[in-house]
Amino acid sequence: MQNEQENNLPTYTVTVADQTGDTQVQMTRPEIVATATESKSWVFVDDRLVDTSALTDAQLNAADAIRLMPGLVGGQ
């Protein structure tokens, strides 16, 4: 049942950046949140940093660009 619900979630085109460049992939909102959390990436929606705990499908539906960027760490 859960897998069927996951298949019905809307998907979004997300640009994922890493040390090798960037890739565009299709992801659901839960996948975006999980990927950002696991990789400690920052999520930008239309060039604005967004807290993943507050990320909504409405924000993503209205977005022109969704990007996952490596988080910056100062002092290293």
Protein backbone atom coordinates (compact mmCIF):
# COMPACT_ATOMS: atom_id res chain seq x y z
CA MET A 1 0.00 0.00 0.00
CA GLN A 2 2.76 2.47 0.89
CA ASN A 3 4.60 1.76 -2.36
CA GLU A 4 1.40 2.47 -4.29
CA GLN A 5 1.01 5.81 -2.47
CA GLU A 6 4.64 6.69 -3.21
CA ASN A 7 4.02 6.04 -6.93
CA ASN A 8 1.17 8.59 -6.90
CA LEU A 9 3.29 11.43 -5.46
CA PRO A 10 4.16 14.28 -7.80
CA THR A 11 7.71 14.37 -9.10
CA TYR A 12 9.89 17.40 -9.67
CA THR A 13 12.96 18.04 -11.80
CA VAL A 14 15.83 18.63 -9.38
CA THR A 15 19.36 19.72 -10.22
CA VAL A 16 21.74 17.85 -7.93
CA ALA A 17 25.25 19.36 -7.72
CA ASP A 18 28.34 17.56 -6.44
CA GLN A 19 32.10 17.59 -6.95
CA THR A 20 31.74 16.15 -10.47
CA GLY A 21 29.21 18.70 -11.74
CA ASP A 22 25.44 18.59 -11.73
CA THR A 23 22.74 16.17 -12.80
CA GLN A 24 19.02 16.62 -13.35
CA VAL A 25 16.83 13.94 -11.82
CA GLN A 26 13.15 13.41 -11.08
CA MET A 27 12.34 13.22 -7.35
CA THR A 28 9.32 13.31 -5.06
CA ARG A 29 9.24 15.69 -2.09
CA PRO A 30 10.13 12.90 0.38
CA GLU A 31 13.06 11.90 -1.85
CA ILE A 32 14.30 15.49 -1.96
CA VAL A 33 14.15 15.74 1.83
CA ALA A 34 15.83 12.34 2.34
CA THR A 35 18.61 13.07 -0.16
CA ALA A 36 19.28 16.51 1.33
CA THR A 37 19.38 15.08 4.84
CA GLU A 38 21.63 12.12 3.97
CA SER A 39 24.10 14.17 1.92
CA LYS A 40 23.87 17.27 4.15
CA SER A 41 22.96 19.28 1.05
CA TRP A 42 21.12 22.57 0.97
CA VAL A 43 17.82 22.85 -0.90
CA PHE A 44 17.24 25.95 -3.00
CA VAL A 45 13.82 26.68 -4.49
CA ASP A 46 14.01 29.53 -7.00
CA ASP A 47 17.39 30.59 -5.57
CA ARG A 48 16.09 30.74 -1.99
CA LEU A 49 17.45 28.46 0.71
CA VAL A 50 14.57 26.37 2.09
CA ASP A 51 14.41 24.42 5.34
CA THR A 52 13.58 20.83 4.36
CA SER A 53 11.33 20.40 7.42
CA ALA A 54 9.09 23.16 6.03
CA LEU A 55 9.25 22.15 2.36
CA THR A 56 5.79 21.75 0.84
CA ASP A 57 4.47 20.39 -2.44
CA ALA A 58 2.87 23.80 -3.05
CA GLN A 59 6.32 25.46 -2.97
CA LEU A 60 7.69 22.84 -5.32
CA ASN A 61 4.73 23.07 -7.72
CA ALA A 62 5.24 26.83 -8.07
CA ALA A 63 9.03 26.58 -8.44
CA ASP A 64 10.92 27.35 -11.62
CA ALA A 65 14.12 25.74 -10.29
CA ILE A 66 14.88 23.26 -7.51
CA ARG A 67 18.52 22.63 -6.66
CA LEU A 68 20.35 20.45 -4.16
CA MET A 69 23.75 21.99 -3.44
CA PRO A 70 26.55 20.77 -1.16
CA GLY A 71 26.39 22.62 2.15
CA LEU A 72 29.16 25.10 2.87
CA VAL A 73 31.29 24.51 5.94
CA GLY A 74 33.47 27.32 7.22
CA GLY A 75 36.85 26.84 8.81
CA GLN A 76 37.81 23.60 7.11
